[in-house]
């Protein structure tokens, strides 16, 4: 073999290794980004205000209307809005594929669906009153996606679905 051919093969090999290394780094970056997003999402739900708002929503009757919500004490009204805002932002993140829908389902499918069952009427009345169909649109979108998937495959509790799970040694 002549020297120029050997140098060309070495250069091509180095370039291929560089591209492969770059692609691996990009892959690792996206994995780390998804993990960080998941951790931030889960941590954002660890506030007293969010838990309080969720408990208030859970204690509402299904299909609570605008009049009933607006008669609540101000602190309860604001706590509900904290939850609504959280579901709204979460819906946007899922839609943009920043957070995986499966992760959201694992962590919050019950609370999202129950919140929608309690507040659907309120949200529709709110939209009509304010003539703003986009109000809380991403919360509705998220709840509907979860409900669609639950219709296709009934949700199985983690303690049943993963009862044989083993930690890596």
N, C-alpha and C. Protein backbone atom coordinates (compact mmCIF):
# COMPACT_ATOMS: atom_id res chain seq x y z
N UNK A 1 0.84 -1.19 0.00
CA UNK A 1 0.00 0.00 0.00
C UNK A 1 0.88 1.25 0.00
N UNK A 2 0.36 2.25 -0.64
CA UNK A 2 1.13 3.48 -0.66
C UNK A 2 0.71 4.40 0.48
N UNK A 3 1.56 5.31 0.84
CA UNK A 3 1.36 6.20 1.98
C UNK A 3 0.10 7.06 1.87
N UNK A 4 -0.22 7.68 0.74
CA UNK A 4 -1.45 8.48 0.66
C UNK A 4 -2.71 7.67 0.93
N UNK A 5 -2.75 6.43 0.46
CA UNK A 5 -3.91 5.58 0.71
C UNK A 5 -4.03 5.24 2.19
N UNK A 6 -2.93 4.93 2.83
CA UNK A 6 -2.92 4.63 4.26
C UNK A 6 -3.39 5.85 5.05
N UNK A 7 -2.88 7.04 4.72
CA UNK A 7 -3.29 8.27 5.41
C UNK A 7 -4.78 8.56 5.20
N UNK A 8 -5.25 8.29 4.01
CA UNK A 8 -6.68 8.49 3.73
C UNK A 8 -7.53 7.53 4.55
N UNK A 9 -7.13 6.27 4.68
CA UNK A 9 -7.86 5.30 5.50
C UNK A 9 -7.83 5.68 6.97
N UNK A 10 -6.68 6.14 7.45
CA UNK A 10 -6.57 6.58 8.84
C UNK A 10 -7.48 7.79 9.07
N UNK A 11 -7.46 8.75 8.16
CA UNK A 11 -8.31 9.94 8.28
C UNK A 11 -9.79 9.59 8.27
N UNK A 12 -10.16 8.69 7.36
CA UNK A 12 -11.57 8.26 7.29
C UNK A 12 -11.98 7.53 8.56
N UNK A 13 -11.09 6.67 9.07
CA UNK A 13 -11.38 5.94 10.31
C UNK A 13 -11.55 6.91 11.48
N UNK A 14 -10.67 7.88 11.58
CA UNK A 14 -10.76 8.88 12.66
C UNK A 14 -12.06 9.67 12.54
N UNK A 15 -12.43 10.02 11.31
CA UNK A 15 -13.66 10.77 11.11
C UNK A 15 -14.88 9.93 11.52
N UNK A 16 -14.90 8.66 11.15
CA UNK A 16 -16.02 7.78 11.52
C UNK A 16 -16.09 7.63 13.03
N UNK A 17 -14.95 7.46 13.67
CA UNK A 17 -14.94 7.36 15.14
C UNK A 17 -15.44 8.66 15.76
N UNK A 18 -15.03 9.79 15.21
CA UNK A 18 -15.48 11.10 15.72
C UNK A 18 -16.99 11.27 15.59
N UNK A 19 -17.53 10.90 14.44
CA UNK A 19 -18.98 11.00 14.23
C UNK A 19 -19.71 10.09 15.20
N UNK A 20 -19.23 8.85 15.35
CA UNK A 20 -19.87 7.91 16.27
C UNK A 20 -19.81 8.45 17.70
N UNK A 21 -18.68 9.00 18.09
CA UNK A 21 -18.54 9.58 19.43
C UNK A 21 -19.50 10.75 19.62
N UNK A 22 -19.59 11.60 18.59
CA UNK A 22 -20.51 12.74 18.66
C UNK A 22 -21.96 12.31 18.79
N UNK A 23 -22.34 11.31 18.00
CA UNK A 23 -23.72 10.80 18.08
C UNK A 23 -24.01 10.21 19.45
N UNK A 24 -23.04 9.51 20.02
CA UNK A 24 -23.21 8.94 21.36
C UNK A 24 -23.37 10.06 22.40
N UNK A 25 -22.60 11.12 22.26
CA UNK A 25 -22.72 12.25 23.19
C UNK A 25 -24.08 12.92 23.08
N UNK A 26 -24.56 13.07 21.86
CA UNK A 26 -25.89 13.66 21.67
C UNK A 26 -26.95 12.77 22.32
N UNK A 27 -26.85 11.48 22.12
CA UNK A 27 -27.79 10.54 22.73
C UNK A 27 -27.77 10.64 24.25
N UNK A 28 -26.58 10.69 24.83
CA UNK A 28 -26.45 10.81 26.28
C UNK A 28 -27.02 12.14 26.78
N UNK A 29 -26.83 13.20 26.01
CA UNK A 29 -27.38 14.50 26.36
C UNK A 29 -28.90 14.43 26.44
N UNK A 30 -29.54 13.82 25.45
CA UNK A 30 -31.00 13.72 25.45
C UNK A 30 -31.50 12.84 26.59
N UNK A 31 -30.79 11.79 26.90
CA UNK A 31 -31.18 10.93 28.02
C UNK A 31 -31.09 11.72 29.32
N UNK A 32 -30.00 12.45 29.50
CA UNK A 32 -29.83 13.25 30.72
C UNK A 32 -30.88 14.35 30.81
N UNK A 33 -31.20 14.96 29.67
CA UNK A 33 -32.21 16.01 29.64
C UNK A 33 -33.58 15.47 30.03
N UNK A 34 -33.94 14.30 29.51
CA UNK A 34 -35.22 13.69 29.88
C UNK A 34 -35.25 13.35 31.36
N UNK A 35 -34.16 12.82 31.88
CA UNK A 35 -34.08 12.47 33.30
C UNK A 35 -34.23 13.72 34.17
N UNK A 36 -33.53 14.79 33.80
CA UNK A 36 -33.64 16.04 34.56
C UNK A 36 -35.05 16.59 34.51
N UNK A 37 -35.69 16.51 33.34
CA UNK A 37 -37.07 16.97 33.21
C UNK A 37 -38.01 16.17 34.10
N UNK A 38 -37.80 14.86 34.14
CA UNK A 38 -38.64 14.00 34.98
C UNK A 38 -38.45 14.35 36.46
N UNK A 39 -37.21 14.54 36.87
CA UNK A 39 -36.93 14.87 38.27
C UNK A 39 -37.55 16.22 38.62
N UNK A 40 -37.39 17.20 37.76
CA UNK A 40 -38.00 18.51 38.01
C UNK A 40 -39.51 18.41 38.09
N UNK A 41 -40.10 17.61 37.18
CA UNK A 41 -41.55 17.45 37.19
C UNK A 41 -42.00 16.85 38.52
N UNK A 42 -41.36 15.78 38.91
CA UNK A 42 -41.78 15.11 40.14
C UNK A 42 -41.56 16.00 41.36
N UNK A 43 -40.48 16.75 41.39
CA UNK A 43 -40.22 17.64 42.52
C UNK A 43 -41.20 18.80 42.59
N UNK A 44 -41.69 19.23 41.43
CA UNK A 44 -42.60 20.37 41.43
C UNK A 44 -43.93 20.05 42.11
N UNK A 45 -44.21 18.77 42.27
CA UNK A 45 -45.48 18.38 42.89
C UNK A 45 -45.33 18.16 44.39
N UNK A 46 -44.19 18.46 44.92
CA UNK A 46 -43.94 18.20 46.34
C UNK A 46 -44.16 19.43 47.20
N UNK A 47 -45.05 20.32 46.79
CA UNK A 47 -45.30 21.51 47.59
C UNK A 47 -46.61 21.34 48.36
N UNK A 48 -46.66 22.01 49.50
CA UNK A 48 -47.88 21.97 50.31
C UNK A 48 -49.07 22.58 49.56
N UNK A 49 -48.82 23.65 48.82
CA UNK A 49 -49.91 24.31 48.09
C UNK A 49 -50.51 23.39 47.03
N UNK A 50 -49.65 22.66 46.31
CA UNK A 50 -50.15 21.76 45.29
C UNK A 50 -50.97 20.63 45.92
N UNK A 51 -50.43 20.02 46.96
CA UNK A 51 -51.13 18.91 47.63
C UNK A 51 -52.46 19.41 48.20
N UNK A 52 -52.44 20.59 48.79
CA UNK A 52 -53.66 21.16 49.35
C UNK A 52 -54.70 21.37 48.25
N UNK A 53 -54.28 21.92 47.12
CA UNK A 53 -55.20 22.14 46.01
C UNK A 53 -55.77 20.85 45.48
N UNK A 54 -54.94 19.84 45.40
CA UNK A 54 -55.39 18.54 44.91
C UNK A 54 -56.42 17.93 45.86
N UNK A 55 -56.17 18.04 47.15
CA UNK A 55 -57.13 17.51 48.13
C UNK A 55 -58.46 18.26 48.07
N UNK A 56 -58.41 19.56 47.84
CA UNK A 56 -59.65 20.33 47.70
C UNK A 56 -60.41 19.84 46.47
N UNK A 57 -59.69 19.64 45.36
CA UNK A 57 -60.35 19.16 44.13
C UNK A 57 -60.95 17.78 44.36
N UNK A 58 -60.21 16.88 45.00
CA UNK A 58 -60.72 15.53 45.25
C UNK A 58 -62.01 15.55 46.07
N UNK A 59 -62.18 16.54 46.92
CA UNK A 59 -63.37 16.61 47.76
C UNK A 59 -64.54 17.31 47.10
N UNK A 60 -64.35 17.81 45.89
CA UNK A 60 -65.45 18.43 45.15
C UNK A 60 -66.33 17.34 44.54
N UNK A 61 -67.61 17.63 44.34
CA UNK A 61 -68.43 16.66 43.59
C UNK A 61 -68.03 16.67 42.12
N UNK A 62 -68.27 15.57 41.41
CA UNK A 62 -68.00 15.53 39.98
C UNK A 62 -68.79 16.63 39.28
N UNK A 63 -68.19 17.19 38.24
CA UNK A 63 -68.82 18.23 37.43
C UNK A 63 -69.24 19.45 38.23
N UNK A 64 -68.38 19.90 39.10
CA UNK A 64 -68.64 21.13 39.85
C UNK A 64 -68.63 22.31 38.89
N UNK A 65 -69.58 23.20 39.07
CA UNK A 65 -69.73 24.33 38.16
C UNK A 65 -68.99 25.57 38.61
N UNK A 66 -69.02 26.57 37.75
CA UNK A 66 -68.32 27.83 37.98
C UNK A 66 -68.83 28.53 39.24
N UNK A 67 -70.12 28.54 39.45
CA UNK A 67 -70.67 29.23 40.62
C UNK A 67 -70.16 28.61 41.92
N UNK A 68 -70.10 27.28 41.98
CA UNK A 68 -69.63 26.61 43.20
C UNK A 68 -68.14 26.88 43.45
N UNK A 69 -67.34 26.86 42.40
CA UNK A 69 -65.90 27.10 42.55
C UNK A 69 -65.65 28.53 43.00
N UNK A 70 -66.35 29.47 42.40
CA UNK A 70 -66.12 30.88 42.73
C UNK A 70 -66.64 31.26 44.11
N UNK A 71 -67.47 30.41 44.73
CA UNK A 71 -67.93 30.67 46.09
C UNK A 71 -66.99 30.13 47.15
N UNK A 72 -65.99 29.39 46.73
CA UNK A 72 -65.03 28.84 47.70
C UNK A 72 -64.23 29.98 48.33
N UNK A 73 -63.72 29.77 49.54
CA UNK A 73 -62.83 30.77 50.13
C UNK A 73 -61.64 31.03 49.20
N UNK A 74 -61.11 32.23 49.25
CA UNK A 74 -60.05 32.64 48.33
C UNK A 74 -58.86 31.70 48.35
N UNK A 75 -58.46 31.24 49.52
CA UNK A 75 -57.28 30.36 49.59
C UNK A 75 -57.54 29.03 48.89
N UNK A 76 -58.78 28.51 48.98
CA UNK A 76 -59.11 27.26 48.29
C UNK A 76 -59.20 27.48 46.78
N UNK A 77 -59.78 28.60 46.39
CA UNK A 77 -59.88 28.96 44.98
C UNK A 77 -58.49 29.04 44.36
N UNK A 78 -57.56 29.71 45.05
CA UNK A 78 -56.19 29.84 44.55
C UNK A 78 -55.47 28.49 44.53
N UNK A 79 -55.73 27.66 45.52
CA UNK A 79 -55.09 26.33 45.55
C UNK A 79 -55.55 25.49 44.36
N UNK A 80 -56.81 25.58 44.00
CA UNK A 80 -57.33 24.87 42.82
C UNK A 80 -56.62 25.38 41.57
N UNK A 81 -56.47 26.70 41.48
CA UNK A 81 -55.81 27.27 40.31
C UNK A 81 -54.34 26.88 40.23
N UNK A 82 -53.73 26.64 41.36
CA UNK A 82 -52.34 26.16 41.34
C UNK A 82 -52.28 24.79 40.66
N UNK A 83 -53.22 23.93 41.00
CA UNK A 83 -53.27 22.60 40.39
C UNK A 83 -53.60 22.71 38.90
N UNK A 84 -54.58 23.53 38.57
CA UNK A 84 -54.95 23.70 37.16
C UNK A 84 -53.76 24.20 36.34
N UNK A 85 -53.03 25.16 36.89
CA UNK A 85 -51.85 25.68 36.19
C UNK A 85 -50.78 24.61 36.02
N UNK A 86 -50.64 23.77 37.03
CA UNK A 86 -49.66 22.69 36.94
C UNK A 86 -50.05 21.69 35.88
N UNK A 87 -51.31 21.29 35.85
CA UNK A 87 -51.76 20.34 34.81
C UNK A 87 -51.62 20.97 33.43
N UNK A 88 -51.90 22.26 33.34
CA UNK A 88 -51.78 22.96 32.06
C UNK A 88 -50.34 22.92 31.55
N UNK A 89 -49.39 23.26 32.39
CA UNK A 89 -47.98 23.24 32.00
C UNK A 89 -47.51 21.82 31.68
N UNK A 90 -47.99 20.87 32.44
CA UNK A 90 -47.62 19.48 32.21
C UNK A 90 -48.13 19.00 30.85
N UNK A 91 -49.34 19.40 30.49
CA UNK A 91 -49.88 19.05 29.18
C UNK A 91 -49.02 19.61 28.05
N UNK A 92 -48.58 20.84 28.19
CA UNK A 92 -47.72 21.44 27.18
C UNK A 92 -46.42 20.65 27.05
N UNK A 93 -45.82 20.31 28.17
CA UNK A 93 -44.54 19.58 28.15
C UNK A 93 -44.69 18.19 27.53
N UNK A 94 -45.80 17.54 27.81
CA UNK A 94 -46.03 16.23 27.19
C UNK A 94 -46.23 16.40 25.69
N UNK A 95 -47.05 17.37 25.29
CA UNK A 95 -47.31 17.59 23.87
C UNK A 95 -46.01 17.87 23.10
N UNK A 96 -45.14 18.65 23.70
CA UNK A 96 -43.87 18.99 23.04
C UNK A 96 -42.81 17.91 23.21
N UNK A 97 -43.22 16.82 23.84
CA UNK A 97 -42.34 15.66 24.05
C UNK A 97 -41.13 15.97 24.93
N UNK A 98 -41.31 16.94 25.80
CA UNK A 98 -40.27 17.26 26.78
C UNK A 98 -40.33 16.28 27.95
N UNK A 99 -41.54 15.80 28.22
CA UNK A 99 -41.77 14.79 29.26
C UNK A 99 -42.60 13.69 28.64
N UNK A 100 -42.25 12.47 28.93
CA UNK A 100 -42.93 11.30 28.36
C UNK A 100 -44.31 11.12 28.98
N UNK A 101 -45.31 10.89 28.14
CA UNK A 101 -46.67 10.67 28.63
C UNK A 101 -46.73 9.46 29.56
N UNK A 102 -45.97 8.42 29.26
CA UNK A 102 -45.95 7.24 30.13
C UNK A 102 -45.50 7.57 31.54
N UNK A 103 -44.51 8.45 31.67
CA UNK A 103 -44.05 8.87 33.00
C UNK A 103 -45.14 9.64 33.73
N UNK A 104 -45.80 10.54 33.01
CA UNK A 104 -46.90 11.31 33.60
C UNK A 104 -48.01 10.36 34.05
N UNK A 105 -48.32 9.38 33.22
CA UNK A 105 -49.35 8.40 33.60
C UNK A 105 -48.94 7.63 34.85
N UNK A 106 -47.69 7.19 34.89
CA UNK A 106 -47.22 6.45 36.06
C UNK A 106 -47.33 7.28 37.33
N UNK A 107 -47.02 8.55 37.23
CA UNK A 107 -46.99 9.39 38.42
C UNK A 107 -48.34 10.05 38.74
N UNK A 108 -49.11 10.44 37.70
CA UNK A 108 -50.25 11.32 37.96
C UNK A 108 -51.53 11.02 37.18
N UNK A 109 -51.65 9.83 36.58
CA UNK A 109 -52.86 9.59 35.78
C UNK A 109 -54.12 9.73 36.62
N UNK A 110 -54.11 9.17 37.81
CA UNK A 110 -55.29 9.26 38.68
C UNK A 110 -55.64 10.70 39.03
N UNK A 111 -54.70 11.48 39.56
CA UNK A 111 -55.01 12.87 39.89
C UNK A 111 -55.43 13.72 38.70
N UNK A 112 -54.82 13.50 37.52
CA UNK A 112 -55.20 14.29 36.34
C UNK A 112 -56.63 13.94 35.94
N UNK A 113 -56.94 12.66 35.84
CA UNK A 113 -58.28 12.23 35.43
C UNK A 113 -59.32 12.67 36.46
N UNK A 114 -59.04 12.49 37.73
CA UNK A 114 -60.00 12.91 38.76
C UNK A 114 -60.20 14.42 38.74
N UNK A 115 -59.13 15.18 38.53
CA UNK A 115 -59.27 16.64 38.44
C UNK A 115 -60.18 17.01 37.28
N UNK A 116 -60.00 16.32 36.14
CA UNK A 116 -60.85 16.62 34.98
C UNK A 116 -62.30 16.26 35.27
N UNK A 117 -62.55 15.12 35.92
CA UNK A 117 -63.93 14.72 36.25
C UNK A 117 -64.58 15.74 37.17
N UNK A 118 -63.82 16.28 38.07
CA UNK A 118 -64.38 17.26 39.02
C UNK A 118 -64.59 18.63 38.37
N UNK A 119 -63.69 19.02 37.45
CA UNK A 119 -63.65 20.41 37.00
C UNK A 119 -64.02 20.63 35.53
N UNK A 120 -64.39 19.58 34.81
CA UNK A 120 -64.73 19.75 33.39
C UNK A 120 -65.82 20.80 33.19
N UNK A 121 -66.90 20.69 33.95
CA UNK A 121 -68.01 21.65 33.81
C UNK A 121 -67.54 23.06 34.13
N UNK A 122 -66.78 23.20 35.20
CA UNK A 122 -66.26 24.52 35.59
C UNK A 122 -65.45 25.13 34.45
N UNK A 123 -64.56 24.33 33.87
CA UNK A 123 -63.70 24.84 32.81
C UNK A 123 -64.52 25.24 31.59
N UNK A 124 -65.49 24.45 31.22
CA UNK A 124 -66.33 24.78 30.07
C UNK A 124 -67.15 26.05 30.32
N UNK A 125 -67.67 26.20 31.55
CA UNK A 125 -68.40 27.42 31.89
C UNK A 125 -67.47 28.62 31.94
N UNK A 126 -66.28 28.43 32.43
CA UNK A 126 -65.27 29.50 32.47
C UNK A 126 -64.95 29.97 31.05
N UNK A 127 -64.75 29.01 30.14
CA UNK A 127 -64.46 29.35 28.75
C UNK A 127 -65.61 30.14 28.13
N UNK A 128 -66.83 29.67 28.36
CA UNK A 128 -67.99 30.35 27.79
C UNK A 128 -68.11 31.77 28.35
N UNK A 129 -67.93 31.90 29.65
CA UNK A 129 -68.05 33.21 30.30
C UNK A 129 -67.01 34.20 29.76
N UNK A 130 -65.79 33.72 29.58
CA UNK A 130 -64.69 34.59 29.14
C UNK A 130 -64.50 34.57 27.62
N UNK A 131 -65.35 33.81 26.93
CA UNK A 131 -65.25 33.68 25.47
C UNK A 131 -63.82 33.36 25.05
N UNK A 132 -63.28 32.35 25.73
CA UNK A 132 -61.87 31.96 25.49
C UNK A 132 -61.77 30.44 25.50
N UNK A 133 -61.92 29.83 24.33
CA UNK A 133 -61.87 28.38 24.23
C UNK A 133 -60.51 27.79 24.56
N UNK A 134 -59.48 28.63 24.58
CA UNK A 134 -58.14 28.12 24.86
C UNK A 134 -57.82 28.08 26.35
N UNK A 135 -58.74 28.52 27.19
CA UNK A 135 -58.48 28.48 28.64
C UNK A 135 -58.37 27.03 29.10
N UNK A 136 -57.28 26.72 29.74
CA UNK A 136 -57.01 25.39 30.31
C UNK A 136 -57.09 24.29 29.26
N UNK A 137 -56.73 24.64 28.04
CA UNK A 137 -56.79 23.70 26.91
C UNK A 137 -55.83 22.54 27.06
N UNK A 138 -54.64 22.79 27.59
CA UNK A 138 -53.64 21.72 27.68
C UNK A 138 -53.95 20.76 28.81
N UNK A 139 -54.61 21.22 29.85
CA UNK A 139 -55.09 20.32 30.90
C UNK A 139 -56.11 19.36 30.31
N UNK A 140 -57.07 19.90 29.55
CA UNK A 140 -58.07 19.04 28.91
C UNK A 140 -57.39 18.06 27.96
N UNK A 141 -56.46 18.55 27.16
CA UNK A 141 -55.75 17.70 26.21
C UNK A 141 -55.05 16.55 26.93
N UNK A 142 -54.37 16.86 28.03
CA UNK A 142 -53.65 15.83 28.79
C UNK A 142 -54.61 14.81 29.37
N UNK A 143 -55.69 15.28 29.98
CA UNK A 143 -56.68 14.36 30.56
C UNK A 143 -57.27 13.45 29.49
N UNK A 144 -57.58 14.01 28.33
CA UNK A 144 -58.16 13.21 27.25
C UNK A 144 -57.17 12.17 26.73
N UNK A 145 -55.90 12.52 26.64
CA UNK A 145 -54.90 11.53 26.18
C UNK A 145 -54.80 10.38 27.18
N UNK A 146 -54.80 10.71 28.45
CA UNK A 146 -54.71 9.66 29.47
C UNK A 146 -55.97 8.79 29.42
N UNK A 147 -57.13 9.41 29.33
CA UNK A 147 -58.37 8.65 29.26
C UNK A 147 -58.43 7.77 28.02
N UNK A 148 -57.95 8.26 26.89
CA UNK A 148 -57.90 7.44 25.67
C UNK A 148 -57.06 6.20 25.88
N UNK A 149 -55.90 6.40 26.46
CA UNK A 149 -54.99 5.26 26.68
C UNK A 149 -55.56 4.29 27.71
N UNK A 150 -56.28 4.80 28.69
CA UNK A 150 -56.90 3.91 29.67
C UNK A 150 -58.06 3.14 29.05
N UNK A 151 -58.71 3.69 28.03
CA UNK A 151 -59.76 2.98 27.33
C UNK A 151 -59.18 1.82 26.53
N UNK A 152 -58.01 2.04 25.92
CA UNK A 152 -57.35 1.01 25.12
C UNK A 152 -56.81 -0.12 26.00
N UNK A 153 -56.26 0.23 27.13
CA UNK A 153 -55.70 -0.77 28.05
C UNK A 153 -55.99 -0.29 29.47
N UNK A 154 -56.86 -1.02 30.15
CA UNK A 154 -57.26 -0.65 31.50
C UNK A 154 -56.01 -0.49 32.38
N UNK A 155 -55.93 0.58 33.16
CA UNK A 155 -54.74 0.78 33.98
C UNK A 155 -54.58 -0.32 35.04
N UNK A 156 -53.36 -0.80 35.14
CA UNK A 156 -53.03 -1.84 36.11
C UNK A 156 -52.15 -1.20 37.18
N UNK A 157 -52.51 -1.33 38.44
CA UNK A 157 -51.69 -0.72 39.50
C UNK A 157 -50.26 -1.25 39.47
N UNK A 158 -49.31 -0.40 39.79
CA UNK A 158 -47.89 -0.78 39.76
C UNK A 158 -47.61 -1.98 40.66
N UNK A 159 -48.28 -2.04 41.81
CA UNK A 159 -48.02 -3.15 42.72
C UNK A 159 -48.47 -4.49 42.14
N UNK A 160 -49.35 -4.44 41.12
CA UNK A 160 -49.75 -5.67 40.44
C UNK A 160 -48.88 -5.89 39.20
N UNK A 161 -48.74 -4.86 38.38
CA UNK A 161 -48.01 -4.98 37.12
C UNK A 161 -46.54 -5.33 37.33
N UNK A 162 -45.97 -4.86 38.41
CA UNK A 162 -44.53 -5.03 38.61
C UNK A 162 -44.20 -5.81 39.88
N UNK A 163 -45.07 -6.70 40.26
CA UNK A 163 -44.87 -7.43 41.52
C UNK A 163 -43.63 -8.30 41.50
N UNK A 164 -43.17 -8.71 40.32
CA UNK A 164 -41.99 -9.58 40.23
C UNK A 164 -40.71 -8.80 39.94
N UNK A 165 -40.75 -7.51 40.05
CA UNK A 165 -39.59 -6.66 39.77
C UNK A 165 -38.49 -6.95 40.77
N UNK A 166 -37.27 -6.97 40.29
CA UNK A 166 -36.10 -7.18 41.14
C UNK A 166 -35.10 -6.06 40.92
N UNK A 167 -34.50 -5.61 41.98
CA UNK A 167 -33.45 -4.61 41.88
C UNK A 167 -32.21 -5.26 41.29
N UNK A 168 -31.46 -4.51 40.53
CA UNK A 168 -30.22 -5.05 39.98
C UNK A 168 -29.25 -5.30 41.13
N UNK A 169 -28.55 -6.44 41.07
CA UNK A 169 -27.60 -6.75 42.16
C UNK A 169 -26.44 -5.80 42.22
